[in-house]
Amino acid sequence: MVDRYTGPWTKQTANPVLVVGNRFDPVTPYQGAVTLARLLPRSRLLTLDGWGHTSEGKSSCVNAHTARYLLTSRVPPRGSVCQPDVVPFAHSSAAQTAGGPTKPARS
């Protein structure tokens, strides 16, 4: 493929690079994001402590960091970890969010 970049991966970029990794992504393992962030100078790893493939739309925290990066080129602080907005497979009456368990609705 002619348009594929094959390296070197050690070049200094004009702007920092934001790498987002989802800790429990079955398609793109989290360790790949860790390795990429380690290889790219001036990069920053943002971790989603969530499930499923990709991180887009799963965490308002990730969305806020990503939007800020796209608008200002500012990366989050080192070691930043975001929680998902919704915990999968939680029963609706005991649903949990990143803030903890929700209170049951009053009848």
PDB file of N, CA and C in Angstrom:
ATOM      1  N   MET A   1       0.839  -1.162   0.000  1.00  0.00           N
ATOM      2  CA  MET A   1       0.000   0.000   0.000  1.00  0.00           C
ATOM      3  C   MET A   1       0.900   1.246   0.000  1.00  0.00           C
ATOM      4  N   VAL A   2       0.727   2.129  -0.943  1.00  0.00           N
ATOM      5  CA  VAL A   2       1.579   3.297  -1.101  1.00  0.00           C
ATOM      6  C   VAL A   2       1.317   4.354  -0.028  1.00  0.00           C
ATOM      7  N   ASP A   3       0.071   4.515   0.401  1.00  0.00           N
ATOM      8  CA  ASP A   3      -0.250   5.591   1.338  1.00  0.00           C
ATOM      9  C   ASP A   3      -0.083   5.195   2.809  1.00  0.00           C
ATOM     10  N   ARG A   4       0.486   4.036   3.059  1.00  0.00           N
ATOM     11  CA  ARG A   4       0.675   3.572   4.435  1.00  0.00           C
ATOM     12  C   ARG A   4       2.029   4.046   4.967  1.00  0.00           C
ATOM     13  N   TYR A   5       2.027   4.632   6.156  1.00  0.00           N
ATOM     14  CA  TYR A   5       3.276   5.085   6.773  1.00  0.00           C
ATOM     15  C   TYR A   5       3.915   3.905   7.492  1.00  0.00           C
ATOM     16  N   THR A   6       5.161   3.625   7.182  1.00  0.00           N
ATOM     17  CA  THR A   6       5.842   2.478   7.776  1.00  0.00           C
ATOM     18  C   THR A   6       6.959   2.878   8.732  1.00  0.00           C
ATOM     19  N   GLY A   7       7.019   4.146   9.090  1.00  0.00           N
ATOM     20  CA  GLY A   7       8.023   4.577  10.058  1.00  0.00           C
ATOM     21  C   GLY A   7       9.015   5.525   9.426  1.00  0.00           C
ATOM     22  N   PRO A   8       9.968   5.969  10.160  1.00  0.00           N
ATOM     23  CA  PRO A   8      10.275   5.592  11.534  1.00  0.00           C
ATOM     24  C   PRO A   8       9.290   6.218  12.527  1.00  0.00           C
ATOM     25  N   TRP A   9       9.103   5.575  13.643  1.00  0.00           N
ATOM     26  CA  TRP A   9       8.137   6.016  14.644  1.00  0.00           C
ATOM     27  C   TRP A   9       8.759   6.900  15.706  1.00  0.00           C
ATOM     28  N   THR A  10       9.970   7.343  15.483  1.00  0.00           N
ATOM     29  CA  THR A  10      10.669   8.151  16.480  1.00  0.00           C
ATOM     30  C   THR A  10      10.776   9.612  16.080  1.00  0.00           C
ATOM     31  N   LYS A  11      10.132  10.017  14.986  1.00  0.00           N
ATOM     32  CA  LYS A  11      10.210  11.414  14.543  1.00  0.00           C
ATOM     33  C   LYS A  11       9.456  12.326  15.496  1.00  0.00           C
ATOM     34  N   GLN A  12      10.017  13.491  15.715  1.00  0.00           N
ATOM     35  CA  GLN A  12       9.381  14.518  16.543  1.00  0.00           C
ATOM     36  C   GLN A  12       8.250  15.166  15.742  1.00  0.00           C
ATOM     37  N   THR A  13       7.075  15.254  16.296  1.00  0.00           N
ATOM     38  CA  THR A  13       5.940  15.881  15.619  1.00  0.00           C
ATOM     39  C   THR A  13       5.844  17.342  16.021  1.00  0.00           C
ATOM     40  N   ALA A  14       5.220  18.137  15.184  1.00  0.00           N
ATOM     41  CA  ALA A  14       5.054  19.561  15.489  1.00  0.00           C
ATOM     42  C   ALA A  14       4.143  19.762  16.696  1.00  0.00           C
ATOM     43  N   ASN A  15       3.170  18.889  16.860  1.00  0.00           N
ATOM     44  CA  ASN A  15       2.216  18.968  17.969  1.00  0.00           C
ATOM     45  C   ASN A  15       2.232  17.653  18.728  1.00  0.00           C
ATOM     46  N   PRO A  16       1.795  17.666  19.976  1.00  0.00           N
ATOM     47  CA  PRO A  16       1.716  16.407  20.714  1.00  0.00           C
ATOM     48  C   PRO A  16       0.672  15.488  20.077  1.00  0.00           C
ATOM     49  N   VAL A  17       0.820  14.204  20.319  1.00  0.00           N
ATOM     50  CA  VAL A  17      -0.106  13.207  19.785  1.00  0.00           C
ATOM     51  C   VAL A  17      -0.894  12.619  20.945  1.00  0.00           C
ATOM     52  N   LEU A  18      -2.214  12.611  20.835  1.00  0.00           N
ATOM     53  CA  LEU A  18      -3.060  12.004  21.853  1.00  0.00           C
ATOM     54  C   LEU A  18      -3.380  10.574  21.429  1.00  0.00           C
ATOM     55  N   VAL A  19      -3.022   9.616  22.274  1.00  0.00           N
ATOM     56  CA  VAL A  19      -3.321   8.201  22.043  1.00  0.00           C
ATOM     57  C   VAL A  19      -4.377   7.816  23.076  1.00  0.00           C
ATOM     58  N   VAL A  20      -5.508   7.284  22.612  1.00  0.00           N
ATOM     59  CA  VAL A  20      -6.575   6.862  23.520  1.00  0.00           C
ATOM     60  C   VAL A  20      -6.664   5.348  23.473  1.00  0.00           C
ATOM     61  N   GLY A  21      -6.568   4.722  24.622  1.00  0.00           N
ATOM     62  CA  GLY A  21      -6.660   3.267  24.701  1.00  0.00           C
ATOM     63  C   GLY A  21      -7.769   2.848  25.640  1.00  0.00           C
ATOM     64  N   ASN A  22      -8.560   1.889  25.198  1.00  0.00           N
ATOM     65  CA  ASN A  22      -9.642   1.324  25.997  1.00  0.00           C
ATOM     66  C   ASN A  22      -9.101   0.051  26.653  1.00  0.00           C
ATOM     67  N   ARG A  23      -9.096   0.011  27.963  1.00  0.00           N
ATOM     68  CA  ARG A  23      -8.456  -1.078  28.696  1.00  0.00           C
ATOM     69  C   ARG A  23      -9.012  -2.465  28.337  1.00  0.00           C
ATOM     70  N   PHE A  24     -10.287  -2.577  28.031  1.00  0.00           N
ATOM     71  CA  PHE A  24     -10.882  -3.890  27.754  1.00  0.00           C
ATOM     72  C   PHE A  24     -11.480  -3.949  26.354  1.00  0.00           C
ATOM     73  N   ASP A  25     -10.703  -3.518  25.359  1.00  0.00           N
ATOM     74  CA  ASP A  25     -11.118  -3.560  23.954  1.00  0.00           C
ATOM     75  C   ASP A  25     -10.700  -4.904  23.372  1.00  0.00           C
ATOM     76  N   PRO A  26     -11.654  -5.734  22.923  1.00  0.00           N
ATOM     77  CA  PRO A  26     -11.301  -7.055  22.412  1.00  0.00           C
ATOM     78  C   PRO A  26     -10.667  -7.032  21.016  1.00  0.00           C
ATOM     79  N   VAL A  27     -10.757  -5.924  20.308  1.00  0.00           N
ATOM     80  CA  VAL A  27     -10.258  -5.844  18.932  1.00  0.00           C
ATOM     81  C   VAL A  27      -8.881  -5.187  18.868  1.00  0.00           C
ATOM     82  N   THR A  28      -8.715  -4.084  19.570  1.00  0.00           N
ATOM     83  CA  THR A  28      -7.426  -3.397  19.593  1.00  0.00           C
ATOM     84  C   THR A  28      -6.934  -3.397  21.044  1.00  0.00           C
ATOM     85  N   PRO A  29      -6.072  -4.340  21.386  1.00  0.00           N
ATOM     86  CA  PRO A  29      -5.634  -4.491  22.776  1.00  0.00           C
ATOM     87  C   PRO A  29      -5.010  -3.216  23.351  1.00  0.00           C
ATOM     88  N   TYR A  30      -5.285  -2.990  24.611  1.00  0.00           N
ATOM     89  CA  TYR A  30      -4.795  -1.818  25.326  1.00  0.00           C
ATOM     90  C   TYR A  30      -3.275  -1.726  25.276  1.00  0.00           C
ATOM     91  N   GLN A  31      -2.608  -2.861  25.333  1.00  0.00           N
ATOM     92  CA  GLN A  31      -1.144  -2.852  25.328  1.00  0.00           C
ATOM     93  C   GLN A  31      -0.605  -2.187  24.058  1.00  0.00           C
ATOM     94  N   GLY A  32      -1.338  -2.271  22.952  1.00  0.00           N
ATOM     95  CA  GLY A  32      -0.920  -1.597  21.725  1.00  0.00           C
ATOM     96  C   GLY A  32      -0.898  -0.087  21.892  1.00  0.00           C
ATOM     97  N   ALA A  33      -1.878   0.462  22.599  1.00  0.00           N
ATOM     98  CA  ALA A  33      -1.908   1.908  22.862  1.00  0.00           C
ATOM     99  C   ALA A  33      -0.762   2.307  23.770  1.00  0.00           C
ATOM    100  N   VAL A  34      -0.467   1.469  24.766  1.00  0.00           N
ATOM    101  CA  VAL A  34       0.647   1.741  25.680  1.00  0.00           C
ATOM    102  C   VAL A  34       1.961   1.768  24.899  1.00  0.00           C
ATOM    103  N   THR A  35       2.139   0.775  24.037  1.00  0.00           N
ATOM    104  CA  THR A  35       3.366   0.693  23.232  1.00  0.00           C
ATOM    105  C   THR A  35       3.481   1.882  22.289  1.00  0.00           C
ATOM    106  N   LEU A  36       2.399   2.233  21.611  1.00  0.00           N
ATOM    107  CA  LEU A  36       2.418   3.362  20.679  1.00  0.00           C
ATOM    108  C   LEU A  36       2.775   4.658  21.401  1.00  0.00           C
ATOM    109  N   ALA A  37       2.160   4.894  22.550  1.00  0.00           N
ATOM    110  CA  ALA A  37       2.452   6.113  23.310  1.00  0.00           C
ATOM    111  C   ALA A  37       3.908   6.142  23.759  1.00  0.00           C
ATOM    112  N   ARG A  38       4.458   4.987  24.057  1.00  0.00           N
ATOM    113  CA  ARG A  38       5.861   4.920  24.470  1.00  0.00           C
ATOM    114  C   ARG A  38       6.793   5.197  23.292  1.00  0.00           C
ATOM    115  N   LEU A  39       6.404   4.784  22.077  1.00  0.00           N
ATOM    116  CA  LEU A  39       7.251   4.947  20.899  1.00  0.00           C
ATOM    117  C   LEU A  39       7.213   6.358  20.318  1.00  0.00           C
ATOM    118  N   LEU A  40       6.076   7.019  20.396  1.00  0.00           N
ATOM    119  CA  LEU A  40       5.933   8.334  19.775  1.00  0.00           C
ATOM    120  C   LEU A  40       6.394   9.454  20.709  1.00  0.00           C
ATOM    121  N   PRO A  41       7.414  10.198  20.302  1.00  0.00           N
ATOM    122  CA  PRO A  41       7.829  11.332  21.130  1.00  0.00           C
ATOM    123  C   PRO A  41       6.682  12.348  21.244  1.00  0.00           C
ATOM    124  N   ARG A  42       6.579  12.981  22.360  1.00  0.00           N
ATOM    125  CA  ARG A  42       5.561  14.020  22.624  1.00  0.00           C
ATOM    126  C   ARG A  42       4.132  13.473  22.596  1.00  0.00           C
ATOM    127  N   SER A  43       3.959  12.191  22.817  1.00  0.00           N
ATOM    128  CA  SER A  43       2.599  11.652  22.838  1.00  0.00           C
ATOM    129  C   SER A  43       2.133  11.506  24.282  1.00  0.00           C
ATOM    130  N   ARG A  44       0.832  11.360  24.439  1.00  0.00           N
ATOM    131  CA  ARG A  44       0.240  11.194  25.757  1.00  0.00           C
ATOM    132  C   ARG A  44      -0.837  10.125  25.648  1.00  0.00           C
ATOM    133  N   LEU A  45      -0.837   9.197  26.584  1.00  0.00           N
ATOM    134  CA  LEU A  45      -1.835   8.132  26.629  1.00  0.00           C
ATOM    135  C   LEU A  45      -2.981   8.546  27.540  1.00  0.00           C
ATOM    136  N   LEU A  46      -4.183   8.466  27.019  1.00  0.00           N
ATOM    137  CA  LEU A  46      -5.411   8.655  27.796  1.00  0.00           C
ATOM    138  C   LEU A  46      -6.090   7.298  27.859  1.00  0.00           C
ATOM    139  N   THR A  47      -6.366   6.817  29.050  1.00  0.00           N
ATOM    140  CA  THR A  47      -6.937   5.479  29.236  1.00  0.00           C
ATOM    141  C   THR A  47      -8.418   5.563  29.546  1.00  0.00           C
ATOM    142  N   LEU A  48      -9.199   4.739  28.838  1.00  0.00           N
ATOM    143  CA  LEU A  48     -10.602   4.528  29.191  1.00  0.00           C
ATOM    144  C   LEU A  48     -10.662   3.202  29.926  1.00  0.00           C
ATOM    145  N   ASP A  49     -11.088   3.221  31.166  1.00  0.00           N
ATOM    146  CA  ASP A  49     -11.201   2.007  31.961  1.00  0.00           C
ATOM    147  C   ASP A  49     -12.565   1.386  31.682  1.00  0.00           C
ATOM    148  N   GLY A  50     -12.775   1.045  30.405  1.00  0.00           N
ATOM    149  CA  GLY A  50     -14.081   0.562  29.972  1.00  0.00           C
ATOM    150  C   GLY A  50     -13.998  -0.669  29.102  1.00  0.00           C
ATOM    151  N   TRP A  51     -15.130  -0.998  28.480  1.00  0.00           N
ATOM    152  CA  TRP A  51     -15.293  -2.219  27.721  1.00  0.00           C
ATOM    153  C   TRP A  51     -15.703  -1.907  26.298  1.00  0.00           C
ATOM    154  N   GLY A  52     -15.510  -2.888  25.421  1.00  0.00           N
ATOM    155  CA  GLY A  52     -15.962  -2.785  24.044  1.00  0.00           C
ATOM    156  C   GLY A  52     -14.920  -2.156  23.139  1.00  0.00           C
ATOM    157  N   HIS A  53     -15.222  -2.164  21.859  1.00  0.00           N
ATOM    158  CA  HIS A  53     -14.281  -1.664  20.865  1.00  0.00           C
ATOM    159  C   HIS A  53     -14.371  -0.145  20.750  1.00  0.00           C
ATOM    160  N   THR A  54     -13.257   0.518  20.801  1.00  0.00           N
ATOM    161  CA  THR A  54     -13.053   1.964  20.721  1.00  0.00           C
ATOM    162  C   THR A  54     -13.494   2.671  22.003  1.00  0.00           C
ATOM    163  N   SER A  55     -13.300   3.963  22.027  1.00  0.00           N
ATOM    164  CA  SER A  55     -13.676   4.747  23.207  1.00  0.00           C
ATOM    165  C   SER A  55     -14.647   5.868  22.856  1.00  0.00           C
ATOM    166  N   GLU A  56     -14.852   6.096  21.582  1.00  0.00           N
ATOM    167  CA  GLU A  56     -15.709   7.200  21.127  1.00  0.00           C
ATOM    168  C   GLU A  56     -17.139   7.034  21.632  1.00  0.00           C
ATOM    169  N   GLY A  57     -17.637   8.056  22.301  1.00  0.00           N
ATOM    170  CA  GLY A  57     -19.023   8.076  22.753  1.00  0.00           C
ATOM    171  C   GLY A  57     -19.311   7.229  23.979  1.00  0.00           C
ATOM    172  N   LYS A  58     -18.289   6.672  24.610  1.00  0.00           N
ATOM    173  CA  LYS A  58     -18.519   5.812  25.767  1.00  0.00           C
ATOM    174  C   LYS A  58     -18.227   6.500  27.094  1.00  0.00           C
ATOM    175  N   SER A  59     -17.578   7.677  27.010  1.00  0.00           N
ATOM    176  CA  SER A  59     -17.194   8.371  28.232  1.00  0.00           C
ATOM    177  C   SER A  59     -17.174   9.874  27.976  1.00  0.00           C
ATOM    178  N   SER A  60     -17.926  10.606  28.759  1.00  0.00           N
ATOM    179  CA  SER A  60     -17.910  12.062  28.612  1.00  0.00           C
ATOM    180  C   SER A  60     -16.525  12.613  28.970  1.00  0.00           C
ATOM    181  N   CYS A  61     -15.807  11.924  29.829  1.00  0.00           N
ATOM    182  CA  CYS A  61     -14.449  12.319  30.193  1.00  0.00           C
ATOM    183  C   CYS A  61     -13.519  12.204  28.983  1.00  0.00           C
ATOM    184  N   VAL A  62     -13.554  11.073  28.270  1.00  0.00           N
ATOM    185  CA  VAL A  62     -12.736  10.898  27.062  1.00  0.00           C
ATOM    186  C   VAL A  62     -13.153  11.918  26.010  1.00  0.00           C
ATOM    187  N   ASN A  63     -14.461  12.098  25.833  1.00  0.00           N
ATOM    188  CA  ASN A  63     -14.952  13.062  24.839  1.00  0.00           C
ATOM    189  C   ASN A  63     -14.436  14.474  25.135  1.00  0.00           C
ATOM    190  N   ALA A  64     -14.429  14.866  26.409  1.00  0.00           N
ATOM    191  CA  ALA A  64     -13.967  16.210  26.778  1.00  0.00           C
ATOM    192  C   ALA A  64     -12.472  16.372  26.514  1.00  0.00           C
ATOM    193  N   HIS A  65     -11.681  15.371  26.882  1.00  0.00           N
ATOM    194  CA  HIS A  65     -10.237  15.443  26.628  1.00  0.00           C
ATOM    195  C   HIS A  65      -9.943  15.467  25.127  1.00  0.00           C
ATOM    196  N   THR A  66     -10.674  14.650  24.373  1.00  0.00           N
ATOM    197  CA  THR A  66     -10.459  14.585  22.922  1.00  0.00           C
ATOM    198  C   THR A  66     -10.843  15.907  22.266  1.00  0.00           C
ATOM    199  N   ALA A  67     -11.976  16.474  22.645  1.00  0.00           N
ATOM    200  CA  ALA A  67     -12.411  17.757  22.078  1.00  0.00           C
ATOM    201  C   ALA A  67     -11.403  18.857  22.403  1.00  0.00           C
ATOM    202  N   ARG A  68     -10.952  18.897  23.651  1.00  0.00           N
ATOM    203  CA  ARG A  68      -9.966  19.906  24.037  1.00  0.00           C
ATOM    204  C   ARG A  68      -8.679  19.745  23.228  1.00  0.00           C
ATOM    205  N   TYR A  69      -8.248  18.500  23.029  1.00  0.00           N
ATOM    206  CA  TYR A  69      -7.038  18.240  22.239  1.00  0.00           C
ATOM    207  C   TYR A  69      -7.217  18.714  20.791  1.00  0.00           C
ATOM    208  N   LEU A  70      -8.356  18.397  20.197  1.00  0.00           N
ATOM    209  CA  LEU A  70      -8.588  18.784  18.800  1.00  0.00           C
ATOM    210  C   LEU A  70      -8.682  20.303  18.634  1.00  0.00           C
ATOM    211  N   LEU A  71      -9.186  20.987  19.644  1.00  0.00           N
ATOM    212  CA  LEU A  71      -9.334  22.440  19.561  1.00  0.00           C
ATOM    213  C   LEU A  71      -8.077  23.215  19.963  1.00  0.00           C
ATOM    214  N   THR A  72      -7.283  22.641  20.868  1.00  0.00           N
ATOM    215  CA  THR A  72      -6.158  23.403  21.419  1.00  0.00           C
ATOM    216  C   THR A  72      -4.798  22.712  21.328  1.00  0.00           C
ATOM    217  N   SER A  73      -4.768  21.447  20.958  1.00  0.00           N
ATOM    218  CA  SER A  73      -3.552  20.606  20.943  1.00  0.00           C
ATOM    219  C   SER A  73      -3.027  20.323  22.351  1.00  0.00           C
ATOM    220  N   ARG A  74      -3.818  20.598  23.367  1.00  0.00           N
ATOM    221  CA  ARG A  74      -3.417  20.302  24.749  1.00  0.00           C
ATOM    222  C   ARG A  74      -3.811  18.875  25.103  1.00  0.00           C
ATOM    223  N   VAL A  75      -2.837  18.118  25.618  1.00  0.00           N
ATOM    224  CA  VAL A  75      -3.099  16.738  26.020  1.00  0.00           C
ATOM    225  C   VAL A  75      -3.436  16.703  27.511  1.00  0.00           C
ATOM    226  N   PRO A  76      -4.133  15.659  27.962  1.00  0.00           N
ATOM    227  CA  PRO A  76      -4.454  15.547  29.388  1.00  0.00           C
ATOM    228  C   PRO A  76      -3.192  15.272  30.209  1.00  0.00           C
ATOM    229  N   PRO A  77      -3.272  15.424  31.519  1.00  0.00           N
ATOM    230  CA  PRO A  77      -2.118  15.127  32.372  1.00  0.00           C
ATOM    231  C   PRO A  77      -1.689  13.663  32.245  1.00  0.00           C
ATOM    232  N   ARG A  78      -0.412  13.404  32.461  1.00  0.00           N
ATOM    233  CA  ARG A  78       0.092  12.021  32.419  1.00  0.00           C
ATOM    234  C   ARG A  78      -0.692  11.152  33.395  1.00  0.00           C
ATOM    235  N   GLY A  79      -0.973   9.935  32.965  1.00  0.00           N
ATOM    236  CA  GLY A  79      -1.669   8.988  33.829  1.00  0.00           C
ATOM    237  C   GLY A  79      -3.160   9.183  33.900  1.00  0.00           C
ATOM    238  N   SER A  80      -3.729  10.020  33.026  1.00  0.00           N
ATOM    239  CA  SER A  80      -5.175  10.275  33.065  1.00  0.00           C
ATOM    240  C   SER A  80      -5.959   9.012  32.705  1.00  0.00           C
ATOM    241  N   VAL A  81      -6.933   8.698  33.540  1.00  0.00           N
ATOM    242  CA  VAL A  81      -7.801   7.535  33.331  1.00  0.00           C
ATOM    243  C   VAL A  81      -9.243   8.015  33.429  1.00  0.00           C
ATOM    244  N   CYS A  82     -10.041   7.684  32.420  1.00  0.00           N
ATOM    245  CA  CYS A  82     -11.461   8.036  32.411  1.00  0.00           C
ATOM    246  C   CYS A  82     -12.304   6.790  32.659  1.00  0.00           C
ATOM    247  N   GLN A  83     -13.447   7.004  33.259  1.00  0.00           N
ATOM    248  CA  GLN A  83     -14.406   5.923  33.494  1.00  0.00           C
ATOM    249  C   GLN A  83     -15.498   5.985  32.437  1.00  0.00           C
ATOM    250  N   PRO A  84     -16.119   4.846  32.114  1.00  0.00           N
ATOM    251  CA  PRO A  84     -17.235   4.861  31.170  1.00  0.00           C
ATOM    252  C   PRO A  84     -18.451   5.524  31.817  1.00  0.00           C
ATOM    253  N   ASP A  85     -19.325   6.076  30.988  1.00  0.00           N
ATOM    254  CA  ASP A  85     -20.548   6.700  31.508  1.00  0.00           C
ATOM    255  C   ASP A  85     -21.576   5.660  31.935  1.00  0.00           C
ATOM    256  N   VAL A  86     -21.552   4.501  31.309  1.00  0.00           N
ATOM    257  CA  VAL A  86     -22.521   3.442  31.607  1.00  0.00           C
ATOM    258  C   VAL A  86     -21.775   2.135  31.811  1.00  0.00           C
ATOM    259  N   VAL A  87     -22.166   1.389  32.830  1.00  0.00           N
ATOM    260  CA  VAL A  87     -21.593   0.072  33.071  1.00  0.00           C
ATOM    261  C   VAL A  87     -22.435  -0.945  32.301  1.00  0.00           C
ATOM    262  N   PRO A  88     -21.814  -1.719  31.410  1.00  0.00           N
ATOM    263  CA  PRO A  88     -22.597  -2.654  30.607  1.00  0.00           C
ATOM    264  C   PRO A  88     -23.184  -3.788  31.454  1.00  0.00           C
ATOM    265  N   PHE A  89     -24.309  -4.282  31.014  1.00  0.00           N
ATOM    266  CA  PHE A  89     -24.990  -5.435  31.602  1.00  0.00           C
ATOM    267  C   PHE A  89     -25.540  -5.180  32.997  1.00  0.00           C
ATOM    268  N   ALA A  90     -25.588  -3.926  33.421  1.00  0.00           N
ATOM    269  CA  ALA A  90     -26.167  -3.617  34.730  1.00  0.00           C
ATOM    270  C   ALA A  90     -27.684  -3.646  34.603  1.00  0.00           C
ATOM    271  N   HIS A  91     -28.352  -4.213  35.575  1.00  0.00           N
ATOM    272  CA  HIS A  91     -29.811  -4.240  35.597  1.00  0.00           C
ATOM    273  C   HIS A  91     -30.315  -2.814  35.731  1.00  0.00           C
ATOM    274  N   SER A  92     -31.379  -2.478  35.034  1.00  0.00           N
ATOM    275  CA  SER A  92     -31.836  -1.093  35.000  1.00  0.00           C
ATOM    276  C   SER A  92     -32.153  -0.524  36.384  1.00  0.00           C
ATOM    277  N   SER A  93     -32.667  -1.331  37.302  1.00  0.00           N
ATOM    278  CA  SER A  93     -32.983  -0.792  38.626  1.00  0.00           C
ATOM    279  C   SER A  93     -31.740  -0.646  39.493  1.00  0.00           C
ATOM    280  N   ALA A  94     -30.647  -1.287  39.093  1.00  0.00           N
ATOM    281  CA  ALA A  94     -29.412  -1.171  39.860  1.00  0.00           C
ATOM    282  C   ALA A  94     -28.282  -0.696  38.953  1.00  0.00           C
ATOM    283  N   ALA A  95     -28.649   0.076  37.955  1.00  0.00           N
ATOM    284  CA  ALA A  95     -27.650   0.540  36.983  1.00  0.00           C
ATOM    285  C   ALA A  95     -26.588   1.359  37.685  1.00  0.00           C
ATOM    286  N   GLN A  96     -25.356   1.214  37.178  1.00  0.00           N
ATOM    287  CA  GLN A  96     -24.257   1.971  37.730  1.00  0.00           C
ATOM    288  C   GLN A  96     -23.690   2.858  36.648  1.00  0.00           C
ATOM    289  N   THR A  97     -23.192   3.985  37.073  1.00  0.00           N
ATOM    290  CA  THR A  97     -22.500   4.884  36.160  1.00  0.00           C
ATOM    291  C   THR A  97     -21.128   5.158  36.735  1.00  0.00           C
ATOM    292  N   ALA A  98     -20.359   5.973  36.052  1.00  0.00           N
ATOM    293  CA  ALA A  98     -19.006   6.288  36.513  1.00  0.00           C
ATOM    294  C   ALA A  98     -19.031   6.897  37.912  1.00  0.00           C
ATOM    295  N   GLY A  99     -20.139   7.533  38.274  1.00  0.00           N
ATOM    296  CA  GLY A  99     -20.244   8.153  39.583  1.00  0.00           C
ATOM    297  C   GLY A  99     -20.642   7.184  40.679  1.00  0.00           C
ATOM    298  N   GLY A 100     -20.940   5.928  40.339  1.00  0.00           N
ATOM    299  CA  GLY A 100     -21.340   4.941  41.322  1.00  0.00           C
ATOM    300  C   GLY A 100     -22.765   4.501  41.074  1.00  0.00           C
ATOM    301  N   PRO A 101     -23.318   3.728  41.994  1.00  0.00           N
ATOM    302  CA  PRO A 101     -24.675   3.219  41.809  1.00  0.00           C
ATOM    303  C   PRO A 101     -25.695   4.343  41.806  1.00  0.00           C
ATOM    304  N   THR A 102     -26.743   4.152  41.007  1.00  0.00           N
ATOM    305  CA  THR A 102     -27.823   5.130  41.006  1.00  0.00           C
ATOM    306  C   THR A 102     -28.827   4.768  42.067  1.00  0.00           C
ATOM    307  N   LYS A 103     -29.591   5.735  42.528  1.00  0.00           N
ATOM    308  CA  LYS A 103     -30.618   5.468  43.528  1.00  0.00           C
ATOM    309  C   LYS A 103     -31.852   4.926  42.822  1.00  0.00           C
ATOM    310  N   PRO A 104     -32.523   3.963  43.436  1.00  0.00           N
ATOM    311  CA  PRO A 104     -33.749   3.414  42.830  1.00  0.00           C
ATOM    312  C   PRO A 104     -34.812   4.519  42.706  1.00  0.00           C
ATOM    313  N   ALA A 105     -35.599   4.410  41.650  1.00  0.00           N
ATOM    314  CA  ALA A 105     -36.682   5.390  41.447  1.00  0.00           C
ATOM    315  C   ALA A 105     -37.741   5.193  42.512  1.00  0.00           C
ATOM    316  N   ARG A 106     -38.302   6.300  42.977  1.00  0.00           N
ATOM    317  CA  ARG A 106     -39.377   6.223  43.965  1.00  0.00           C
ATOM    318  C   ARG A 106     -40.708   6.017  43.255  1.00  0.00           C
ATOM    319  N   SER A 107     -41.548   5.178  43.832  1.00  0.00           N
ATOM    320  CA  SER A 107     -42.860   4.931  43.219  1.00  0.00           C
ATOM    321  C   SER A 107     -43.908   5.814  43.817  1.00  0.00           C
TER     322      SER A 107
END
